[in-house]
Amino acid sequence: MQAAQQKAARRHGIGALGLLAVGIGVALALLDAIPASAATLDRVRQAGKLVFGYRADARPFSFDDGGKPTGYSITLCQNVADEVKTELGIADLKVEWVPVAVEDRFATLEQGKIDLLCGAEVTLERRKQVSFSIPIFPGGIAAMLRSDAPRALQDVLAGRPASGPIWRGSPAQILEDKTFSVVSGTTGQSWLEKRLNEFQLTAEVVPVDSYDAGTMRVLDRTSDVFFGDRSILVEAAAGNPSGADLMVLDRQFTSQPIALTMARNDDDFRLVVDRSLSLQFSSKEFRDLYTKWFGAPDDEVTAFFRQSALPE
């Protein structure tokens, strides 16, 4: 093999130094092909800090409270940090919090600017870019609308039988020419666009950049319905001064588990994250944490976390 390479090199006028340069170039190319975020624990050890990314507009999962990140998934990530400190044997490991935008949160993770993203919906398409922990919440898309929205619209979205005369219109006719909003870059946007195409509806979709913006569009009647993660919709309505004018339907159109997000092909780091979450879900304190942000868990939610936690 070596003789053949040398023969080919002589034929093309490449000397020994040329072969060395080619070899170095190949090696560098292989190194460049490895994601910057591949060996997270090694990078954290060398940097002496663990960097979490979080959305500041996803209450109750993550948000800023007086400039300090807080929320359900923030607490889970804080406990992950304790597990990482134990794993690396670095008690004084620094923890840094970086707010990220919806549109570039996964790119920020891939580029190694953050080590762990504190929550995102799990999809197969996203798994082409990033890896996910065991699920941390049984999320799903729901609808927010005004309390005085037409009853026919409420019935269609809630999946209830029509409460008025049938002549008022079929479900498709009721949704026709309505204006819907959804946060841009979320799974809600792709789901909504797909559904409208399936049913060939001419409803208008107006993407917004935050849950607050979507809520305001419903309140000022520029959007008939705002679709998003139900838990965040409920919190947005409860925290709005005009919350009495809003309603969030119980129905969830999708089942979308939420998980912590990390770089692909990094099993060592994922093991630490999943171990931490499994221990948290099995602890007595976890029920209090869940209740604080979502209310007391019912039997279905309890079963979800019991099934999500992994045994040692």
C-alpha atoms as a PDB file:
ATOM      1  CA  MET A   1       0.000   0.000   0.000  1.00  0.00           C
ATOM      2  CA  GLN A   2       2.779   2.440   0.975  1.00  0.00           C
ATOM      3  CA  ALA A   3       4.764   1.598  -2.184  1.00  0.00           C
ATOM      4  CA  ALA A   4       1.668   2.200  -4.316  1.00  0.00           C
ATOM      5  CA  GLN A   5       1.100   5.586  -2.664  1.00  0.00           C
ATOM      6  CA  GLN A   6       4.734   6.568  -3.250  1.00  0.00           C
ATOM      7  CA  LYS A   7       4.500   5.445  -6.872  1.00  0.00           C
ATOM      8  CA  ALA A   8       1.315   7.501  -7.365  1.00  0.00           C
ATOM      9  CA  ALA A   9       2.990  10.467  -5.701  1.00  0.00           C
ATOM     10  CA  ARG A  10       5.979  10.285  -8.065  1.00  0.00           C
ATOM     11  CA  ARG A  11       3.622  10.012 -11.026  1.00  0.00           C
ATOM     12  CA  HIS A  12       1.841  13.200  -9.999  1.00  0.00           C
ATOM     13  CA  GLY A  13       4.962  15.016  -8.903  1.00  0.00           C
ATOM     14  CA  ILE A  14       4.231  14.816  -5.179  1.00  0.00           C
ATOM     15  CA  GLY A  15       7.284  14.347  -2.948  1.00  0.00           C
ATOM     16  CA  ALA A  16       7.605  13.098   0.613  1.00  0.00           C
ATOM     17  CA  LEU A  17       6.824  16.543   2.015  1.00  0.00           C
ATOM     18  CA  GLY A  18       3.734  16.665  -0.170  1.00  0.00           C
ATOM     19  CA  LEU A  19       2.547  13.343   1.178  1.00  0.00           C
ATOM     20  CA  LEU A  20       3.104  14.582   4.726  1.00  0.00           C
ATOM     21  CA  ALA A  21       1.091  17.705   4.004  1.00  0.00           C
ATOM     22  CA  VAL A  22      -1.721  15.644   2.554  1.00  0.00           C
ATOM     23  CA  GLY A  23      -1.724  13.412   5.609  1.00  0.00           C
ATOM     24  CA  ILE A  24      -1.862  16.377   7.964  1.00  0.00           C
ATOM     25  CA  GLY A  25      -4.660  17.871   5.913  1.00  0.00           C
ATOM     26  CA  VAL A  26      -6.696  14.690   6.167  1.00  0.00           C
ATOM     27  CA  ALA A  27      -6.144  14.519   9.915  1.00  0.00           C
ATOM     28  CA  LEU A  28      -7.250  18.136  10.378  1.00  0.00           C
ATOM     29  CA  ALA A  29     -10.320  17.528   8.245  1.00  0.00           C
ATOM     30  CA  LEU A  30     -11.267  14.586  10.435  1.00  0.00           C
ATOM     31  CA  LEU A  31     -10.844  16.724  13.539  1.00  0.00           C
ATOM     32  CA  ASP A  32     -12.999  19.448  12.019  1.00  0.00           C
ATOM     33  CA  ALA A  33     -15.700  16.882  11.355  1.00  0.00           C
ATOM     34  CA  ILE A  34     -16.046  16.224  15.095  1.00  0.00           C
ATOM     35  CA  PRO A  35     -18.644  18.590  16.602  1.00  0.00           C
ATOM     36  CA  ALA A  36     -17.218  21.211  18.952  1.00  0.00           C
ATOM     37  CA  SER A  37     -19.653  19.993  21.572  1.00  0.00           C
ATOM     38  CA  ALA A  38     -18.905  16.254  21.290  1.00  0.00           C
ATOM     39  CA  ALA A  39     -16.954  15.672  24.528  1.00  0.00           C
ATOM     40  CA  THR A  40     -18.981  17.887  26.847  1.00  0.00           C
ATOM     41  CA  LEU A  41     -17.587  16.599  30.145  1.00  0.00           C
ATOM     42  CA  ASP A  42     -13.998  17.095  28.953  1.00  0.00           C
ATOM     43  CA  ARG A  43     -14.782  20.632  27.845  1.00  0.00           C
ATOM     44  CA  VAL A  44     -16.538  21.412  31.140  1.00  0.00           C
ATOM     45  CA  ARG A  45     -13.581  20.062  33.099  1.00  0.00           C
ATOM     46  CA  GLN A  46     -11.111  22.159  31.123  1.00  0.00           C
ATOM     47  CA  ALA A  47     -13.214  25.325  31.293  1.00  0.00           C
ATOM     48  CA  GLY A  48     -14.082  24.898  34.952  1.00  0.00           C
ATOM     49  CA  LYS A  49     -17.696  25.792  34.229  1.00  0.00           C
ATOM     50  CA  LEU A  50     -20.964  24.304  33.011  1.00  0.00           C
ATOM     51  CA  VAL A  51     -23.054  26.453  30.660  1.00  0.00           C
ATOM     52  CA  PHE A  52     -26.837  26.083  30.515  1.00  0.00           C
ATOM     53  CA  GLY A  53     -29.015  27.585  27.802  1.00  0.00           C
ATOM     54  CA  TYR A  54     -32.603  28.505  28.566  1.00  0.00           C
ATOM     55  CA  ARG A  55     -35.557  30.358  27.080  1.00  0.00           C
ATOM     56  CA  ALA A  56     -36.496  33.422  29.097  1.00  0.00           C
ATOM     57  CA  ASP A  57     -40.083  33.419  27.778  1.00  0.00           C
ATOM     58  CA  ALA A  58     -41.238  29.866  28.540  1.00  0.00           C
ATOM     59  CA  ARG A  59     -42.819  30.201  31.975  1.00  0.00           C
ATOM     60  CA  PRO A  60     -43.377  27.941  33.932  1.00  0.00           C
ATOM     61  CA  PHE A  61     -40.503  25.929  32.432  1.00  0.00           C
ATOM     62  CA  SER A  62     -37.909  28.700  32.273  1.00  0.00           C
ATOM     63  CA  PHE A  63     -38.048  32.469  32.616  1.00  0.00           C
ATOM     64  CA  ASP A  64     -36.239  35.416  34.155  1.00  0.00           C
ATOM     65  CA  ASP A  65     -37.318  36.525  37.626  1.00  0.00           C
ATOM     66  CA  GLY A  66     -35.543  39.755  38.519  1.00  0.00           C
ATOM     67  CA  GLY A  67     -32.730  38.845  36.129  1.00  0.00           C
ATOM     68  CA  LYS A  68     -32.369  35.374  37.621  1.00  0.00           C
ATOM     69  CA  PRO A  69     -33.383  32.252  35.644  1.00  0.00           C
ATOM     70  CA  THR A  70     -36.071  30.242  37.389  1.00  0.00           C
ATOM     71  CA  GLY A  71     -38.777  27.717  36.632  1.00  0.00           C
ATOM     72  CA  TYR A  72     -39.422  23.990  36.537  1.00  0.00           C
ATOM     73  CA  SER A  73     -36.750  22.993  34.005  1.00  0.00           C
ATOM     74  CA  ILE A  74     -34.280  25.444  35.554  1.00  0.00           C
ATOM     75  CA  THR A  75     -34.489  23.540  38.841  1.00  0.00           C
ATOM     76  CA  LEU A  76     -33.972  20.240  37.007  1.00  0.00           C
ATOM     77  CA  CYS A  77     -30.867  21.693  35.331  1.00  0.00           C
ATOM     78  CA  GLN A  78     -29.525  23.015  38.632  1.00  0.00           C
ATOM     79  CA  ASN A  79     -29.711  19.486  40.010  1.00  0.00           C
ATOM     80  CA  VAL A  80     -27.989  18.171  36.879  1.00  0.00           C
ATOM     81  CA  ALA A  81     -25.151  20.599  37.673  1.00  0.00           C
ATOM     82  CA  ASP A  82     -24.767  18.953  41.098  1.00  0.00           C
ATOM     83  CA  GLU A  83     -24.517  15.545  39.416  1.00  0.00           C
ATOM     84  CA  VAL A  84     -21.868  16.860  37.013  1.00  0.00           C
ATOM     85  CA  LYS A  85     -19.855  18.257  39.934  1.00  0.00           C
ATOM     86  CA  THR A  86     -19.915  14.819  41.547  1.00  0.00           C
ATOM     87  CA  GLU A  87     -19.019  13.076  38.288  1.00  0.00           C
ATOM     88  CA  LEU A  88     -16.027  15.337  37.668  1.00  0.00           C
ATOM     89  CA  GLY A  89     -15.028  15.677  41.310  1.00  0.00           C
ATOM     90  CA  ILE A  90     -15.138  19.495  41.048  1.00  0.00           C
ATOM     91  CA  ALA A  91     -17.132  20.868  43.982  1.00  0.00           C
ATOM     92  CA  ASP A  92     -16.572  24.501  42.988  1.00  0.00           C
ATOM     93  CA  LEU A  93     -17.544  24.048  39.330  1.00  0.00           C
ATOM     94  CA  LYS A  94     -19.041  27.305  38.073  1.00  0.00           C
ATOM     95  CA  VAL A  95     -22.507  27.346  36.506  1.00  0.00           C
ATOM     96  CA  GLU A  96     -23.357  29.905  33.830  1.00  0.00           C
ATOM     97  CA  TRP A  97     -26.822  30.656  32.420  1.00  0.00           C
ATOM     98  CA  VAL A  98     -27.261  31.897  28.858  1.00  0.00           C
ATOM     99  CA  PRO A  99     -30.667  32.996  27.482  1.00  0.00           C
ATOM    100  CA  VAL A 100     -31.273  31.650  23.973  1.00  0.00           C
ATOM    101  CA  ALA A 101     -33.763  32.507  21.242  1.00  0.00           C
ATOM    102  CA  VAL A 102     -36.138  29.960  19.728  1.00  0.00           C
ATOM    103  CA  GLU A 103     -34.652  30.298  16.256  1.00  0.00           C
ATOM    104  CA  ASP A 104     -31.005  29.658  17.173  1.00  0.00           C
ATOM    105  CA  ARG A 105     -31.128  27.564  20.357  1.00  0.00           C
ATOM    106  CA  PHE A 106     -30.079  24.323  18.653  1.00  0.00           C
ATOM    107  CA  ALA A 107     -27.330  26.014  16.640  1.00  0.00           C
ATOM    108  CA  THR A 108     -25.991  27.515  19.883  1.00  0.00           C
ATOM    109  CA  LEU A 109     -25.835  24.013  21.320  1.00  0.00           C
ATOM    110  CA  GLU A 110     -24.192  22.499  18.238  1.00  0.00           C
ATOM    111  CA  GLN A 111     -21.530  25.220  18.266  1.00  0.00           C
ATOM    112  CA  GLY A 112     -20.580  24.381  21.850  1.00  0.00           C
ATOM    113  CA  LYS A 113     -21.641  27.789  23.202  1.00  0.00           C
ATOM    114  CA  ILE A 114     -23.841  26.018  25.747  1.00  0.00           C
ATOM    115  CA  ASP A 115     -23.504  22.547  27.226  1.00  0.00           C
ATOM    116  CA  LEU A 116     -27.167  21.783  27.897  1.00  0.00           C
ATOM    117  CA  LEU A 117     -30.430  23.356  26.773  1.00  0.00           C
ATOM    118  CA  CYS A 118     -32.977  23.347  29.579  1.00  0.00           C
ATOM    119  CA  GLY A 119     -35.999  22.068  27.703  1.00  0.00           C
ATOM    120  CA  ALA A 120     -37.368  21.548  24.181  1.00  0.00           C
ATOM    121  CA  GLU A 121     -40.011  19.384  22.518  1.00  0.00           C
ATOM    122  CA  VAL A 122     -38.671  16.056  21.253  1.00  0.00           C
ATOM    123  CA  THR A 123     -39.151  15.316  17.543  1.00  0.00           C
ATOM    124  CA  LEU A 124     -37.476  12.985  15.073  1.00  0.00           C
ATOM    125  CA  GLU A 125     -36.484  15.931  12.889  1.00  0.00           C
ATOM    126  CA  ARG A 126     -34.714  17.644  15.777  1.00  0.00           C
ATOM    127  CA  ARG A 127     -32.853  14.441  16.607  1.00  0.00           C
ATOM    128  CA  LYS A 128     -30.964  14.957  13.359  1.00  0.00           C
ATOM    129  CA  GLN A 129     -29.332  17.966  15.073  1.00  0.00           C
ATOM    130  CA  VAL A 130     -29.314  17.247  18.795  1.00  0.00           C
ATOM    131  CA  SER A 131     -29.834  14.550  21.400  1.00  0.00           C
ATOM    132  CA  PHE A 132     -32.443  14.463  24.156  1.00  0.00           C
ATOM    133  CA  SER A 133     -32.559  13.283  27.740  1.00  0.00           C
ATOM    134  CA  ILE A 134     -35.346  11.135  29.130  1.00  0.00           C
ATOM    135  CA  PRO A 135     -38.599  13.162  29.056  1.00  0.00           C
ATOM    136  CA  ILE A 136     -39.118  15.788  31.753  1.00  0.00           C
ATOM    137  CA  PHE A 137     -42.743  16.707  30.968  1.00  0.00           C
ATOM    138  CA  PRO A 138     -45.719  15.343  28.971  1.00  0.00           C
ATOM    139  CA  GLY A 139     -46.255  18.413  26.798  1.00  0.00           C
ATOM    140  CA  GLY A 140     -48.754  19.043  24.025  1.00  0.00           C
ATOM    141  CA  ILE A 141     -50.232  21.767  21.821  1.00  0.00           C
ATOM    142  CA  ALA A 142     -53.467  23.447  22.908  1.00  0.00           C
ATOM    143  CA  ALA A 143     -55.498  26.522  21.970  1.00  0.00           C
ATOM    144  CA  MET A 144     -56.022  29.915  23.602  1.00  0.00           C
ATOM    145  CA  LEU A 145     -58.923  32.129  22.586  1.00  0.00           C
ATOM    146  CA  ARG A 146     -61.066  34.869  24.037  1.00  0.00           C
ATOM    147  CA  SER A 147     -63.670  33.918  26.620  1.00  0.00           C
ATOM    148  CA  ASP A 148     -66.310  35.549  24.421  1.00  0.00           C
ATOM    149  CA  ALA A 149     -65.234  33.678  21.270  1.00  0.00           C
ATOM    150  CA  PRO A 150     -68.140  32.238  19.263  1.00  0.00           C
ATOM    151  CA  ARG A 151     -69.441  29.073  20.883  1.00  0.00           C
ATOM    152  CA  ALA A 152     -69.209  27.220  17.578  1.00  0.00           C
ATOM    153  CA  LEU A 153     -65.464  27.963  17.424  1.00  0.00           C
ATOM    154  CA  GLN A 154     -65.015  26.826  21.019  1.00  0.00           C
ATOM    155  CA  ASP A 155     -66.870  23.576  20.305  1.00  0.00           C
ATOM    156  CA  VAL A 156     -64.819  22.756  17.212  1.00  0.00           C
ATOM    157  CA  LEU A 157     -61.491  23.381  18.940  1.00  0.00           C
ATOM    158  CA  ALA A 158     -62.524  21.520  22.085  1.00  0.00           C
ATOM    159  CA  GLY A 159     -63.705  18.540  20.046  1.00  0.00           C
ATOM    160  CA  ARG A 160     -67.233  18.831  21.444  1.00  0.00           C
ATOM    161  CA  PRO A 161     -70.461  18.161  19.541  1.00  0.00           C
ATOM    162  CA  ALA A 162     -71.947  21.354  18.128  1.00  0.00           C
ATOM    163  CA  SER A 163     -74.047  23.118  20.766  1.00  0.00           C
ATOM    164  CA  GLY A 164     -76.029  25.105  18.187  1.00  0.00           C
ATOM    165  CA  PRO A 165     -78.042  24.305  15.066  1.00  0.00           C
ATOM    166  CA  ILE A 166     -76.190  22.213  12.487  1.00  0.00           C
ATOM    167  CA  TRP A 167     -76.941  24.810   9.839  1.00  0.00           C
ATOM    168  CA  ARG A 168     -74.446  27.146  11.436  1.00  0.00           C
ATOM    169  CA  GLY A 169     -71.713  25.335   9.569  1.00  0.00           C
ATOM    170  CA  SER A 170     -69.426  22.320   9.465  1.00  0.00           C
ATOM    171  CA  PRO A 171     -66.193  22.319  11.514  1.00  0.00           C
ATOM    172  CA  ALA A 172     -64.202  23.206   8.387  1.00  0.00           C
ATOM    173  CA  GLN A 173     -66.502  26.126   7.601  1.00  0.00           C
ATOM    174  CA  ILE A 174     -66.241  27.406  11.162  1.00  0.00           C
ATOM    175  CA  LEU A 175     -62.431  27.441  10.959  1.00  0.00           C
ATOM    176  CA  GLU A 176     -62.388  28.917   7.463  1.00  0.00           C
ATOM    177  CA  ASP A 177     -60.974  32.442   7.097  1.00  0.00           C
ATOM    178  CA  LYS A 178     -59.950  32.605  10.766  1.00  0.00           C
ATOM    179  CA  THR A 179     -56.618  34.064  11.870  1.00  0.00           C
ATOM    180  CA  PHE A 180     -54.354  31.795  13.899  1.00  0.00           C
ATOM    181  CA  SER A 181     -51.113  32.646  15.674  1.00  0.00           C
ATOM    182  CA  VAL A 182     -48.250  30.451  16.846  1.00  0.00           C
ATOM    183  CA  VAL A 183     -44.725  31.110  18.091  1.00  0.00           C
ATOM    184  CA  SER A 184     -42.332  31.086  15.144  1.00  0.00           C
ATOM    185  CA  GLY A 185     -39.783  28.271  15.067  1.00  0.00           C
ATOM    186  CA  THR A 186     -41.696  25.971  17.426  1.00  0.00           C
ATOM    187  CA  THR A 187     -43.231  22.572  16.764  1.00  0.00           C
ATOM    188  CA  GLY A 188     -46.599  24.304  17.021  1.00  0.00           C
ATOM    189  CA  GLN A 189     -45.893  26.205  13.810  1.00  0.00           C
ATOM    190  CA  SER A 190     -45.052  23.130  11.741  1.00  0.00           C
ATOM    191  CA  TRP A 191     -48.001  21.219  13.237  1.00  0.00           C
ATOM    192  CA  LEU A 192     -50.465  24.015  12.460  1.00  0.00           C
ATOM    193  CA  GLU A 193     -49.266  24.482   8.890  1.00  0.00           C
ATOM    194  CA  LYS A 194     -49.498  20.743   8.275  1.00  0.00           C
ATOM    195  CA  ARG A 195     -53.033  20.539   9.658  1.00  0.00           C
ATOM    196  CA  LEU A 196     -54.258  23.461   7.580  1.00  0.00           C
ATOM    197  CA  ASN A 197     -52.797  21.861   4.454  1.00  0.00           C
ATOM    198  CA  GLU A 198     -54.407  18.520   5.268  1.00  0.00           C
ATOM    199  CA  PHE A 199     -57.841  20.086   5.603  1.00  0.00           C
ATOM    200  CA  GLN A 200     -57.213  22.604   2.814  1.00  0.00           C
ATOM    201  CA  LEU A 201     -58.320  25.518   4.970  1.00  0.00           C
ATOM    202  CA  THR A 202     -57.717  29.116   3.930  1.00  0.00           C
ATOM    203  CA  ALA A 203     -57.170  30.315   7.491  1.00  0.00           C
ATOM    204  CA  GLU A 204     -54.364  32.859   7.898  1.00  0.00           C
ATOM    205  CA  VAL A 205     -51.377  32.007  10.085  1.00  0.00           C
ATOM    206  CA  VAL A 206     -49.550  34.905  11.738  1.00  0.00           C
ATOM    207  CA  PRO A 207     -46.332  33.776  13.485  1.00  0.00           C
ATOM    208  CA  VAL A 208     -45.296  35.699  16.605  1.00  0.00           C
ATOM    209  CA  ASP A 209     -41.973  35.897  18.417  1.00  0.00           C
ATOM    210  CA  SER A 210     -43.226  35.136  21.932  1.00  0.00           C
ATOM    211  CA  TYR A 211     -46.127  33.821  23.987  1.00  0.00           C
ATOM    212  CA  ASP A 212     -46.813  37.340  25.271  1.00  0.00           C
ATOM    213  CA  ALA A 213     -47.193  38.581  21.690  1.00  0.00           C
ATOM    214  CA  GLY A 214     -49.561  35.729  20.817  1.00  0.00           C
ATOM    215  CA  THR A 215     -51.639  36.390  23.927  1.00  0.00           C
ATOM    216  CA  MET A 216     -51.972  40.078  23.045  1.00  0.00           C
ATOM    217  CA  ARG A 217     -53.165  39.225  19.540  1.00  0.00           C
ATOM    218  CA  VAL A 218     -55.996  37.168  21.018  1.00  0.00           C
ATOM    219  CA  LEU A 219     -56.900  39.921  23.463  1.00  0.00           C
ATOM    220  CA  ASP A 220     -57.013  42.633  20.795  1.00  0.00           C
ATOM    221  CA  ARG A 221     -58.904  40.305  18.416  1.00  0.00           C
ATOM    222  CA  THR A 222     -56.290  40.406  15.651  1.00  0.00           C
ATOM    223  CA  SER A 223     -56.003  36.617  16.042  1.00  0.00           C
ATOM    224  CA  ASP A 224     -58.919  34.292  16.700  1.00  0.00           C
ATOM    225  CA  VAL A 225     -56.792  31.521  18.213  1.00  0.00           C
ATOM    226  CA  PHE A 226     -53.264  31.224  19.577  1.00  0.00           C
ATOM    227  CA  PHE A 227     -51.755  27.722  19.519  1.00  0.00           C
ATOM    228  CA  GLY A 228     -48.871  26.655  21.771  1.00  0.00           C
ATOM    229  CA  ASP A 229     -47.730  24.399  24.588  1.00  0.00           C
ATOM    230  CA  ARG A 230     -50.695  24.150  26.943  1.00  0.00           C
ATOM    231  CA  SER A 231     -48.757  24.682  30.171  1.00  0.00           C
ATOM    232  CA  ILE A 232     -47.190  27.871  28.837  1.00  0.00           C
ATOM    233  CA  LEU A 233     -50.543  29.092  27.498  1.00  0.00           C
ATOM    234  CA  VAL A 234     -52.153  28.564  30.913  1.00  0.00           C
ATOM    235  CA  GLU A 235     -49.350  30.478  32.626  1.00  0.00           C
ATOM    236  CA  ALA A 236     -49.512  33.284  30.048  1.00  0.00           C
ATOM    237  CA  ALA A 237     -53.245  33.702  30.610  1.00  0.00           C
ATOM    238  CA  ALA A 238     -52.935  33.556  34.394  1.00  0.00           C
ATOM    239  CA  GLY A 239     -50.178  36.163  34.435  1.00  0.00           C
ATOM    240  CA  ASN A 240     -51.919  38.635  32.112  1.00  0.00           C
ATOM    241  CA  PRO A 241     -53.897  41.540  33.652  1.00  0.00           C
ATOM    242  CA  SER A 242     -56.717  40.730  31.222  1.00  0.00           C
ATOM    243  CA  GLY A 243     -56.537  37.004  31.902  1.00  0.00           C
ATOM    244  CA  ALA A 244     -60.259  36.868  32.723  1.00  0.00           C
ATOM    245  CA  ASP A 245     -60.929  37.591  29.049  1.00  0.00           C
ATOM    246  CA  LEU A 246     -58.963  34.515  27.972  1.00  0.00           C
ATOM    247  CA  MET A 247     -59.553  30.802  27.992  1.00  0.00           C
ATOM    248  CA  VAL A 248     -57.216  27.865  27.347  1.00  0.00           C
ATOM    249  CA  LEU A 249     -58.996  24.716  26.262  1.00  0.00           C
ATOM    250  CA  ASP A 250     -58.300  21.418  28.040  1.00  0.00           C
ATOM    251  CA  ARG A 251     -57.869  19.545  24.785  1.00  0.00           C
ATOM    252  CA  GLN A 252     -54.308  18.806  23.655  1.00  0.00           C
ATOM    253  CA  PHE A 253     -53.985  18.283  19.923  1.00  0.00           C
ATOM    254  CA  THR A 254     -50.619  16.562  20.197  1.00  0.00           C
ATOM    255  CA  SER A 255     -48.545  14.566  22.639  1.00  0.00           C
ATOM    256  CA  GLN A 256     -45.079  16.135  22.672  1.00  0.00           C
ATOM    257  CA  PRO A 257     -42.749  15.167  25.499  1.00  0.00           C
ATOM    258  CA  ILE A 258     -40.311  17.852  26.573  1.00  0.00           C
ATOM    259  CA  ALA A 259     -36.705  16.939  27.432  1.00  0.00           C
ATOM    260  CA  LEU A 260     -33.340  18.485  28.177  1.00  0.00           C
ATOM    261  CA  THR A 261     -31.262  18.853  25.040  1.00  0.00           C
ATOM    262  CA  MET A 262     -27.572  18.200  24.407  1.00  0.00           C
ATOM    263  CA  ALA A 263     -25.113  17.553  21.607  1.00  0.00           C
ATOM    264  CA  ARG A 264     -25.391  14.358  19.603  1.00  0.00           C
ATOM    265  CA  ASN A 265     -23.006  11.423  20.045  1.00  0.00           C
ATOM    266  CA  ASP A 266     -22.099  12.261  23.633  1.00  0.00           C
ATOM    267  CA  ASP A 267     -23.251   9.253  25.624  1.00  0.00           C
ATOM    268  CA  ASP A 268     -21.072  10.005  28.661  1.00  0.00           C
ATOM    269  CA  PHE A 269     -22.723  13.369  29.255  1.00  0.00           C
ATOM    270  CA  ARG A 270     -26.181  12.035  28.492  1.00  0.00           C
ATOM    271  CA  LEU A 271     -25.665   9.276  31.067  1.00  0.00           C
ATOM    272  CA  VAL A 272     -24.939  11.886  33.758  1.00  0.00           C
ATOM    273  CA  VAL A 273     -27.993  13.931  32.755  1.00  0.00           C
ATOM    274  CA  ASP A 274     -30.331  10.926  32.678  1.00  0.00           C
ATOM    275  CA  ARG A 275     -28.999   9.663  36.000  1.00  0.00           C
ATOM    276  CA  SER A 276     -29.714  13.012  37.620  1.00  0.00           C
ATOM    277  CA  LEU A 277     -33.233  13.187  36.199  1.00  0.00           C
ATOM    278  CA  SER A 278     -34.020   9.599  37.178  1.00  0.00           C
ATOM    279  CA  LEU A 279     -32.947  10.266  40.754  1.00  0.00           C
ATOM    280  CA  GLN A 280     -35.001  13.467  40.831  1.00  0.00           C
ATOM    281  CA  PHE A 281     -38.165  11.800  39.530  1.00  0.00           C
ATOM    282  CA  SER A 282     -37.841   9.093  42.182  1.00  0.00           C
ATOM    283  CA  SER A 283     -37.294  11.527  45.063  1.00  0.00           C
ATOM    284  CA  LYS A 284     -39.861  12.792  47.572  1.00  0.00           C
ATOM    285  CA  GLU A 285     -39.001  16.393  46.663  1.00  0.00           C
ATOM    286  CA  PHE A 286     -40.023  15.989  43.023  1.00  0.00           C
ATOM    287  CA  ARG A 287     -43.750  15.930  43.741  1.00  0.00           C
ATOM    288  CA  ASP A 288     -43.429  19.305  45.488  1.00  0.00           C
ATOM    289  CA  LEU A 289     -41.468  20.722  42.549  1.00  0.00           C
ATOM    290  CA  TYR A 290     -44.074  19.570  40.046  1.00  0.00           C
ATOM    291  CA  THR A 291     -46.956  20.829  42.189  1.00  0.00           C
ATOM    292  CA  LYS A 292     -45.329  24.244  42.544  1.00  0.00           C
ATOM    293  CA  TRP A 293     -45.438  24.874  38.807  1.00  0.00           C
ATOM    294  CA  PHE A 294     -48.283  22.710  37.464  1.00  0.00           C
ATOM    295  CA  GLY A 295     -50.499  21.729  40.360  1.00  0.00           C
ATOM    296  CA  ALA A 296     -50.731  18.328  42.002  1.00  0.00           C
ATOM    297  CA  PRO A 297     -49.957  15.510  39.543  1.00  0.00           C
ATOM    298  CA  ASP A 298     -52.779  13.104  38.727  1.00  0.00           C
ATOM    299  CA  ASP A 299     -52.368   9.357  38.265  1.00  0.00           C
ATOM    300  CA  GLU A 300     -51.537   9.748  34.555  1.00  0.00           C
ATOM    301  CA  VAL A 301     -48.762  12.254  35.223  1.00  0.00           C
ATOM    302  CA  THR A 302     -47.396  10.156  38.086  1.00  0.00           C
ATOM    303  CA  ALA A 303     -47.242   7.144  35.767  1.00  0.00           C
ATOM    304  CA  PHE A 304     -45.458   9.240  33.122  1.00  0.00           C
ATOM    305  CA  PHE A 305     -42.567  10.067  35.449  1.00  0.00           C
ATOM    306  CA  ARG A 306     -42.427   6.589  36.934  1.00  0.00           C
ATOM    307  CA  GLN A 307     -42.014   5.207  33.412  1.00  0.00           C
ATOM    308  CA  SER A 308     -39.522   7.911  32.396  1.00  0.00           C
ATOM    309  CA  ALA A 309     -37.117   7.310  35.278  1.00  0.00           C
ATOM    310  CA  LEU A 310     -34.435   4.711  34.539  1.00  0.00           C
ATOM    311  CA  PRO A 311     -33.208   2.156  37.098  1.00  0.00           C
ATOM    312  CA  GLU A 312     -29.544   2.055  38.111  1.00  0.00           C
END
